[in-house]
Amino acid sequence: MYLESFRAALARSWSGSLFRVRDIEKVHPRAKEYLHRLSKSDVVRRIGWGWYAILEEYRDPWEFLARDRRFKVLIKQTAASIWNYDFIHRDVYRLAVEDRSYKRALENFAEQMGWNFEVEYHDKIPYEYRRIDDLFVEAPESCIVSCMSEWAFTDAFAILYFRRNEVDFEKLRRMARWRRISRTDTRVWTAVKYGCNLLNEKMGEQIFEVRSTDLKRVDVKELIDEAIEKVVEFA
């Protein structure tokens, strides 16, 4: 009787979400014992040291991420897929968290589910983010800079074009000015300006008010040219 009552209370509070023993011990002093018994009967699943989940069926990883109660932020290409309408579909989900133990639990759970999660741990999330429905998502300006710095140019320029009326260009300039594209001396802001000028040229109108600039790195220039072609093709 007590076990069934515990199970019902657990489902009400943590259905669809990861949780740890110490959270449940606040609710019931015999939580550790009950969780062990429920895991033996396949009612809950042990995710890792001190972590559990109630066995659920999810349509996809997005449903889990929305239902999971723990704090996390969707970042970089995963956030870009929200801002640019999934312009480049990927089955990798990039996340940032502030709990090292939760990072391991997320990675273990994703592996058990056959999903590909790349989780960053930070003492404090270094990305600007917004709430969209039940998810925290890296803000578009921050996301553009993050993607550009990791050579994900198509993701970045797709956000910039499709969300051009929403992106705060002055904020983008401030964020991008001192960041560099990984393993290069090229500033992200220089690359953004080059791509914006190219978009203006390809679209035949002054969409972005930026000064003309050029890129010295041939590889960066070629990849941005390819990215702009893809964006213009579907614009």
C-alpha atoms as a PDB file:
ATOM      1  CA  MET A   1       0.000   0.000   0.000  1.00  0.00           C
ATOM      2  CA  TYR A   2       2.758   2.439   0.952  1.00  0.00           C
ATOM      3  CA  LEU A   3       4.713   1.520  -2.180  1.00  0.00           C
ATOM      4  CA  GLU A   4       1.709   2.179  -4.440  1.00  0.00           C
ATOM      5  CA  SER A   5       1.107   5.513  -2.749  1.00  0.00           C
ATOM      6  CA  PHE A   6       4.767   6.412  -3.243  1.00  0.00           C
ATOM      7  CA  ARG A   7       4.579   5.360  -6.893  1.00  0.00           C
ATOM      8  CA  ALA A   8       1.515   7.547  -7.509  1.00  0.00           C
ATOM      9  CA  ALA A   9       3.113  10.565  -5.838  1.00  0.00           C
ATOM     10  CA  LEU A  10       6.281  10.035  -7.866  1.00  0.00           C
ATOM     11  CA  ALA A  11       4.316   9.930 -11.121  1.00  0.00           C
ATOM     12  CA  ARG A  12       2.470  13.134 -10.283  1.00  0.00           C
ATOM     13  CA  SER A  13       5.665  15.051  -9.622  1.00  0.00           C
ATOM     14  CA  TRP A  14       8.280  13.556 -11.931  1.00  0.00           C
ATOM     15  CA  SER A  15       6.541  11.840 -14.850  1.00  0.00           C
ATOM     16  CA  GLY A  16       8.614  12.335 -17.998  1.00  0.00           C
ATOM     17  CA  SER A  17      11.571  13.857 -16.156  1.00  0.00           C
ATOM     18  CA  LEU A  18      14.888  12.751 -14.727  1.00  0.00           C
ATOM     19  CA  PHE A  19      15.131  12.968 -10.944  1.00  0.00           C
ATOM     20  CA  ARG A  20      17.600  12.032  -8.256  1.00  0.00           C
ATOM     21  CA  VAL A  21      17.195  10.167  -5.012  1.00  0.00           C
ATOM     22  CA  ARG A  22      17.887  13.181  -2.815  1.00  0.00           C
ATOM     23  CA  ASP A  23      14.963  15.042  -4.429  1.00  0.00           C
ATOM     24  CA  ILE A  24      12.595  12.225  -3.529  1.00  0.00           C
ATOM     25  CA  GLU A  25      14.001  11.757  -0.022  1.00  0.00           C
ATOM     26  CA  LYS A  26      12.532  15.161   0.799  1.00  0.00           C
ATOM     27  CA  VAL A  27       9.122  13.675   0.046  1.00  0.00           C
ATOM     28  CA  HIS A  28       9.544  10.270   1.691  1.00  0.00           C
ATOM     29  CA  PRO A  29      12.317   9.022   4.004  1.00  0.00           C
ATOM     30  CA  ARG A  30      12.202   5.508   2.463  1.00  0.00           C
ATOM     31  CA  ALA A  31      12.582   6.845  -1.077  1.00  0.00           C
ATOM     32  CA  LYS A  32      15.859   5.039  -1.761  1.00  0.00           C
ATOM     33  CA  GLU A  33      14.390   1.680  -0.776  1.00  0.00           C
ATOM     34  CA  TYR A  34      11.168   2.262  -2.749  1.00  0.00           C
ATOM     35  CA  LEU A  35      13.031   3.393  -5.858  1.00  0.00           C
ATOM     36  CA  HIS A  36      15.172   0.273  -5.739  1.00  0.00           C
ATOM     37  CA  ARG A  37      12.077  -1.924  -5.506  1.00  0.00           C
ATOM     38  CA  LEU A  38      10.320  -0.052  -8.326  1.00  0.00           C
ATOM     39  CA  SER A  39      13.390  -0.371 -10.553  1.00  0.00           C
ATOM     40  CA  LYS A  40      13.342  -4.152 -10.025  1.00  0.00           C
ATOM     41  CA  SER A  41       9.758  -4.240 -11.304  1.00  0.00           C
ATOM     42  CA  ASP A  42      10.601  -1.956 -14.274  1.00  0.00           C
ATOM     43  CA  VAL A  43       8.399   0.882 -13.074  1.00  0.00           C
ATOM     44  CA  VAL A  44      11.349   3.276 -12.915  1.00  0.00           C
ATOM     45  CA  ARG A  45      14.669   3.120 -14.705  1.00  0.00           C
ATOM     46  CA  ARG A  46      18.010   3.680 -13.025  1.00  0.00           C
ATOM     47  CA  ILE A  47      19.907   6.185 -15.168  1.00  0.00           C
ATOM     48  CA  GLY A  48      23.141   6.429 -13.238  1.00  0.00           C
ATOM     49  CA  TRP A  49      24.497   6.952  -9.753  1.00  0.00           C
ATOM     50  CA  GLY A  50      21.616   8.501  -7.800  1.00  0.00           C
ATOM     51  CA  TRP A  51      19.488   9.239 -10.888  1.00  0.00           C
ATOM     52  CA  TYR A  52      16.217   7.682 -12.063  1.00  0.00           C
ATOM     53  CA  ALA A  53      13.428   8.177 -14.603  1.00  0.00           C
ATOM     54  CA  ILE A  54       9.891   6.851 -14.725  1.00  0.00           C
ATOM     55  CA  LEU A  55       9.577   4.623 -17.768  1.00  0.00           C
ATOM     56  CA  GLU A  56       7.837   6.642 -20.491  1.00  0.00           C
ATOM     57  CA  GLU A  57       7.408   6.629 -24.243  1.00  0.00           C
ATOM     58  CA  TYR A  58       8.482   9.802 -26.054  1.00  0.00           C
ATOM     59  CA  ARG A  59       7.653  10.763 -29.612  1.00  0.00           C
ATOM     60  CA  ASP A  60      11.155  12.154 -30.003  1.00  0.00           C
ATOM     61  CA  PRO A  61      13.954  13.795 -27.972  1.00  0.00           C
ATOM     62  CA  TRP A  62      12.174  17.157 -28.210  1.00  0.00           C
ATOM     63  CA  GLU A  63       9.261  15.815 -26.169  1.00  0.00           C
ATOM     64  CA  PHE A  64      11.616  14.597 -23.477  1.00  0.00           C
ATOM     65  CA  LEU A  65      13.523  17.890 -23.383  1.00  0.00           C
ATOM     66  CA  ALA A  66      10.268  19.815 -22.966  1.00  0.00           C
ATOM     67  CA  ARG A  67       8.957  17.521 -20.222  1.00  0.00           C
ATOM     68  CA  ASP A  68      12.200  17.154 -18.290  1.00  0.00           C
ATOM     69  CA  ARG A  69      12.106  19.526 -15.317  1.00  0.00           C
ATOM     70  CA  ARG A  70      15.832  20.086 -14.907  1.00  0.00           C
ATOM     71  CA  PHE A  71      17.439  23.347 -16.022  1.00  0.00           C
ATOM     72  CA  LYS A  72      19.160  23.139 -19.370  1.00  0.00           C
ATOM     73  CA  VAL A  73      19.649  25.392 -22.392  1.00  0.00           C
ATOM     74  CA  LEU A  74      19.544  24.328 -26.033  1.00  0.00           C
ATOM     75  CA  ILE A  75      22.606  25.837 -27.683  1.00  0.00           C
ATOM     76  CA  LYS A  76      24.519  26.266 -30.933  1.00  0.00           C
ATOM     77  CA  GLN A  77      23.243  24.224 -33.905  1.00  0.00           C
ATOM     78  CA  THR A  78      20.338  22.806 -31.888  1.00  0.00           C
ATOM     79  CA  ALA A  79      19.151  26.290 -30.968  1.00  0.00           C
ATOM     80  CA  ALA A  80      19.764  27.366 -34.560  1.00  0.00           C
ATOM     81  CA  SER A  81      17.327  24.705 -35.765  1.00  0.00           C
ATOM     82  CA  ILE A  82      14.597  26.480 -33.809  1.00  0.00           C
ATOM     83  CA  TRP A  83      15.453  29.974 -35.026  1.00  0.00           C
ATOM     84  CA  ASN A  84      16.014  29.048 -38.685  1.00  0.00           C
ATOM     85  CA  TYR A  85      13.116  26.602 -39.009  1.00  0.00           C
ATOM     86  CA  ASP A  86      15.359  23.511 -39.033  1.00  0.00           C
ATOM     87  CA  PHE A  87      17.203  24.757 -42.130  1.00  0.00           C
ATOM     88  CA  ILE A  88      19.787  22.014 -41.604  1.00  0.00           C
ATOM     89  CA  HIS A  89      18.296  19.008 -39.849  1.00  0.00           C
ATOM     90  CA  ARG A  90      20.587  17.246 -37.392  1.00  0.00           C
ATOM     91  CA  ASP A  91      20.017  14.367 -35.021  1.00  0.00           C
ATOM     92  CA  VAL A  92      22.547  15.719 -32.517  1.00  0.00           C
ATOM     93  CA  TYR A  93      21.163  17.735 -29.602  1.00  0.00           C
ATOM     94  CA  ARG A  94      23.541  20.243 -28.017  1.00  0.00           C
ATOM     95  CA  LEU A  95      22.805  21.359 -24.468  1.00  0.00           C
ATOM     96  CA  ALA A  96      24.369  23.364 -21.666  1.00  0.00           C
ATOM     97  CA  VAL A  97      23.756  22.673 -17.956  1.00  0.00           C
ATOM     98  CA  GLU A  98      24.978  23.971 -14.605  1.00  0.00           C
ATOM     99  CA  ASP A  99      24.968  20.634 -12.772  1.00  0.00           C
ATOM    100  CA  ARG A 100      27.814  18.220 -13.482  1.00  0.00           C
ATOM    101  CA  SER A 101      25.863  15.246 -12.109  1.00  0.00           C
ATOM    102  CA  TYR A 102      22.871  16.125 -14.297  1.00  0.00           C
ATOM    103  CA  LYS A 103      25.191  16.314 -17.320  1.00  0.00           C
ATOM    104  CA  ARG A 104      26.211  12.691 -16.784  1.00  0.00           C
ATOM    105  CA  ALA A 105      22.596  11.649 -16.186  1.00  0.00           C
ATOM    106  CA  LEU A 106      21.442  13.323 -19.410  1.00  0.00           C
ATOM    107  CA  GLU A 107      24.196  11.663 -21.412  1.00  0.00           C
ATOM    108  CA  ASN A 108      23.471   8.246 -19.861  1.00  0.00           C
ATOM    109  CA  PHE A 109      19.730   8.584 -20.466  1.00  0.00           C
ATOM    110  CA  ALA A 110      20.240   9.683 -24.066  1.00  0.00           C
ATOM    111  CA  GLU A 111      22.522   6.723 -24.689  1.00  0.00           C
ATOM    112  CA  GLN A 112      19.930   4.338 -23.247  1.00  0.00           C
ATOM    113  CA  MET A 113      17.276   5.892 -25.502  1.00  0.00           C
ATOM    114  CA  GLY A 114      19.480   5.790 -28.600  1.00  0.00           C
ATOM    115  CA  TRP A 115      19.707   9.591 -28.820  1.00  0.00           C
ATOM    116  CA  ASN A 116      22.788  11.701 -29.438  1.00  0.00           C
ATOM    117  CA  PHE A 117      23.170  14.399 -26.767  1.00  0.00           C
ATOM    118  CA  GLU A 118      26.269  16.600 -26.513  1.00  0.00           C
ATOM    119  CA  VAL A 119      26.118  18.265 -23.102  1.00  0.00           C
ATOM    120  CA  GLU A 120      28.359  21.082 -21.865  1.00  0.00           C
ATOM    121  CA  TYR A 121      28.818  21.748 -18.167  1.00  0.00           C
ATOM    122  CA  HIS A 122      29.336  25.329 -16.949  1.00  0.00           C
ATOM    123  CA  ASP A 123      29.337  26.846 -13.472  1.00  0.00           C
ATOM    124  CA  LYS A 124      27.138  29.516 -15.044  1.00  0.00           C
ATOM    125  CA  ILE A 125      25.603  29.248 -18.524  1.00  0.00           C
ATOM    126  CA  PRO A 126      27.736  31.563 -20.717  1.00  0.00           C
ATOM    127  CA  TYR A 127      25.110  31.905 -23.451  1.00  0.00           C
ATOM    128  CA  GLU A 128      22.279  34.413 -23.550  1.00  0.00           C
ATOM    129  CA  TYR A 129      19.007  32.497 -23.721  1.00  0.00           C
ATOM    130  CA  ARG A 130      15.235  32.866 -23.917  1.00  0.00           C
ATOM    131  CA  ARG A 131      12.288  30.762 -22.879  1.00  0.00           C
ATOM    132  CA  ILE A 132      10.223  29.299 -25.719  1.00  0.00           C
ATOM    133  CA  ASP A 133       7.257  27.324 -24.430  1.00  0.00           C
ATOM    134  CA  ASP A 134       8.817  24.687 -22.139  1.00  0.00           C
ATOM    135  CA  LEU A 135      12.390  25.091 -23.366  1.00  0.00           C
ATOM    136  CA  PHE A 136      15.266  27.473 -22.734  1.00  0.00           C
ATOM    137  CA  VAL A 137      16.942  28.293 -26.044  1.00  0.00           C
ATOM    138  CA  GLU A 138      20.105  30.250 -26.814  1.00  0.00           C
ATOM    139  CA  ALA A 139      19.056  33.691 -28.062  1.00  0.00           C
ATOM    140  CA  PRO A 140      19.426  34.294 -31.809  1.00  0.00           C
ATOM    141  CA  GLU A 141      22.245  36.854 -31.533  1.00  0.00           C
ATOM    142  CA  SER A 142      24.255  34.596 -29.226  1.00  0.00           C
ATOM    143  CA  CYS A 143      23.434  31.578 -31.371  1.00  0.00           C
ATOM    144  CA  ILE A 144      24.678  33.262 -34.547  1.00  0.00           C
ATOM    145  CA  VAL A 145      27.995  34.025 -32.854  1.00  0.00           C
ATOM    146  CA  SER A 146      28.287  30.507 -31.406  1.00  0.00           C
ATOM    147  CA  CYS A 147      27.610  28.884 -34.771  1.00  0.00           C
ATOM    148  CA  MET A 148      29.955  31.218 -36.659  1.00  0.00           C
ATOM    149  CA  SER A 149      32.759  30.556 -34.192  1.00  0.00           C
ATOM    150  CA  GLU A 150      32.367  26.809 -34.829  1.00  0.00           C
ATOM    151  CA  TRP A 151      32.296  27.092 -38.631  1.00  0.00           C
ATOM    152  CA  ALA A 152      28.538  26.388 -38.792  1.00  0.00           C
ATOM    153  CA  PHE A 153      28.081  29.277 -41.229  1.00  0.00           C
ATOM    154  CA  THR A 154      24.932  28.041 -42.936  1.00  0.00           C
ATOM    155  CA  ASP A 155      23.108  27.703 -39.602  1.00  0.00           C
ATOM    156  CA  ALA A 156      24.186  31.224 -38.622  1.00  0.00           C
ATOM    157  CA  PHE A 157      23.268  33.008 -41.853  1.00  0.00           C
ATOM    158  CA  ALA A 158      19.965  31.153 -42.088  1.00  0.00           C
ATOM    159  CA  ILE A 159      19.063  32.617 -38.662  1.00  0.00           C
ATOM    160  CA  LEU A 160      20.262  36.048 -39.709  1.00  0.00           C
ATOM    161  CA  TYR A 161      18.215  36.042 -42.907  1.00  0.00           C
ATOM    162  CA  PHE A 162      14.999  34.366 -41.765  1.00  0.00           C
ATOM    163  CA  ARG A 163      14.921  36.282 -38.459  1.00  0.00           C
ATOM    164  CA  ARG A 164      16.291  39.563 -39.816  1.00  0.00           C
ATOM    165  CA  ASN A 165      13.393  41.539 -38.374  1.00  0.00           C
ATOM    166  CA  GLU A 166      13.908  40.017 -34.921  1.00  0.00           C
ATOM    167  CA  VAL A 167      17.701  39.971 -34.557  1.00  0.00           C
ATOM    168  CA  ASP A 168      19.133  42.926 -32.646  1.00  0.00           C
ATOM    169  CA  PHE A 169      21.959  43.851 -35.017  1.00  0.00           C
ATOM    170  CA  GLU A 170      23.692  46.159 -32.533  1.00  0.00           C
ATOM    171  CA  LYS A 171      23.712  43.406 -29.914  1.00  0.00           C
ATOM    172  CA  LEU A 172      25.026  40.985 -32.530  1.00  0.00           C
ATOM    173  CA  ARG A 173      27.840  43.402 -33.372  1.00  0.00           C
ATOM    174  CA  ARG A 174      28.824  43.714 -29.699  1.00  0.00           C
ATOM    175  CA  MET A 175      28.813  39.945 -29.196  1.00  0.00           C
ATOM    176  CA  ALA A 176      30.670  39.140 -32.421  1.00  0.00           C
ATOM    177  CA  ARG A 177      33.259  41.898 -32.355  1.00  0.00           C
ATOM    178  CA  TRP A 178      35.790  40.149 -30.105  1.00  0.00           C
ATOM    179  CA  ARG A 179      34.998  36.510 -30.881  1.00  0.00           C
ATOM    180  CA  ARG A 180      37.069  34.655 -33.449  1.00  0.00           C
ATOM    181  CA  ILE A 181      36.280  31.754 -35.706  1.00  0.00           C
ATOM    182  CA  SER A 182      37.855  28.687 -34.103  1.00  0.00           C
ATOM    183  CA  ARG A 183      41.489  28.051 -35.048  1.00  0.00           C
ATOM    184  CA  THR A 184      41.727  31.305 -37.033  1.00  0.00           C
ATOM    185  CA  ASP A 185      42.458  34.986 -36.488  1.00  0.00           C
ATOM    186  CA  THR A 186      39.240  35.941 -38.282  1.00  0.00           C
ATOM    187  CA  ARG A 187      36.809  37.900 -36.138  1.00  0.00           C
ATOM    188  CA  VAL A 188      33.238  36.666 -36.188  1.00  0.00           C
ATOM    189  CA  TRP A 189      31.974  40.200 -36.822  1.00  0.00           C
ATOM    190  CA  THR A 190      34.155  40.518 -39.940  1.00  0.00           C
ATOM    191  CA  ALA A 191      32.725  37.248 -41.237  1.00  0.00           C
ATOM    192  CA  VAL A 192      29.173  38.383 -40.436  1.00  0.00           C
ATOM    193  CA  LYS A 193      29.686  41.642 -42.353  1.00  0.00           C
ATOM    194  CA  TYR A 194      31.148  39.790 -45.325  1.00  0.00           C
ATOM    195  CA  GLY A 195      28.179  37.401 -45.419  1.00  0.00           C
ATOM    196  CA  CYS A 196      25.649  40.231 -45.033  1.00  0.00           C
ATOM    197  CA  ASN A 197      27.169  42.128 -47.955  1.00  0.00           C
ATOM    198  CA  LEU A 198      27.045  38.970 -50.013  1.00  0.00           C
ATOM    199  CA  LEU A 199      23.372  38.473 -49.109  1.00  0.00           C
ATOM    200  CA  ASN A 200      22.656  42.055 -50.176  1.00  0.00           C
ATOM    201  CA  GLU A 201      24.388  41.423 -53.482  1.00  0.00           C
ATOM    202  CA  LYS A 202      22.650  38.109 -54.143  1.00  0.00           C
ATOM    203  CA  MET A 203      19.195  39.405 -53.204  1.00  0.00           C
ATOM    204  CA  GLY A 204      19.633  42.619 -55.171  1.00  0.00           C
ATOM    205  CA  GLU A 205      18.634  44.884 -52.278  1.00  0.00           C
ATOM    206  CA  GLN A 206      20.067  46.512 -49.169  1.00  0.00           C
ATOM    207  CA  ILE A 207      18.775  44.068 -46.554  1.00  0.00           C
ATOM    208  CA  PHE A 208      21.596  44.662 -44.073  1.00  0.00           C
ATOM    209  CA  GLU A 209      23.240  48.024 -43.365  1.00  0.00           C
ATOM    210  CA  VAL A 210      26.899  47.012 -43.040  1.00  0.00           C
ATOM    211  CA  ARG A 211      30.188  48.296 -44.411  1.00  0.00           C
ATOM    212  CA  SER A 212      31.805  46.414 -47.233  1.00  0.00           C
ATOM    213  CA  THR A 213      34.610  44.106 -46.102  1.00  0.00           C
ATOM    214  CA  ASP A 214      36.671  41.187 -47.342  1.00  0.00           C
ATOM    215  CA  LEU A 215      38.086  38.019 -45.810  1.00  0.00           C
ATOM    216  CA  LYS A 216      41.740  37.034 -45.990  1.00  0.00           C
ATOM    217  CA  ARG A 217      41.169  33.392 -45.058  1.00  0.00           C
ATOM    218  CA  VAL A 218      40.347  31.613 -48.309  1.00  0.00           C
ATOM    219  CA  ASP A 219      38.807  28.577 -46.594  1.00  0.00           C
ATOM    220  CA  VAL A 220      36.502  30.707 -44.446  1.00  0.00           C
ATOM    221  CA  LYS A 221      35.531  32.831 -47.444  1.00  0.00           C
ATOM    222  CA  GLU A 222      34.718  29.800 -49.601  1.00  0.00           C
ATOM    223  CA  LEU A 223      32.555  28.204 -46.900  1.00  0.00           C
ATOM    224  CA  ILE A 224      30.652  31.423 -46.266  1.00  0.00           C
ATOM    225  CA  ASP A 225      30.088  31.782 -50.019  1.00  0.00           C
ATOM    226  CA  GLU A 226      28.610  28.260 -50.043  1.00  0.00           C
ATOM    227  CA  ALA A 227      26.473  29.029 -46.988  1.00  0.00           C
ATOM    228  CA  ILE A 228      25.028  32.182 -48.586  1.00  0.00           C
ATOM    229  CA  GLU A 229      24.229  30.263 -51.766  1.00  0.00           C
ATOM    230  CA  LYS A 230      22.235  27.720 -49.757  1.00  0.00           C
ATOM    231  CA  VAL A 231      20.320  30.418 -47.869  1.00  0.00           C
ATOM    232  CA  VAL A 232      19.541  32.373 -51.044  1.00  0.00           C
ATOM    233  CA  GLU A 233      18.405  29.200 -52.799  1.00  0.00           C
ATOM    234  CA  PHE A 234      15.644  28.709 -50.201  1.00  0.00           C
ATOM    235  CA  ALA A 235      14.980  32.386 -49.407  1.00  0.00           C
END
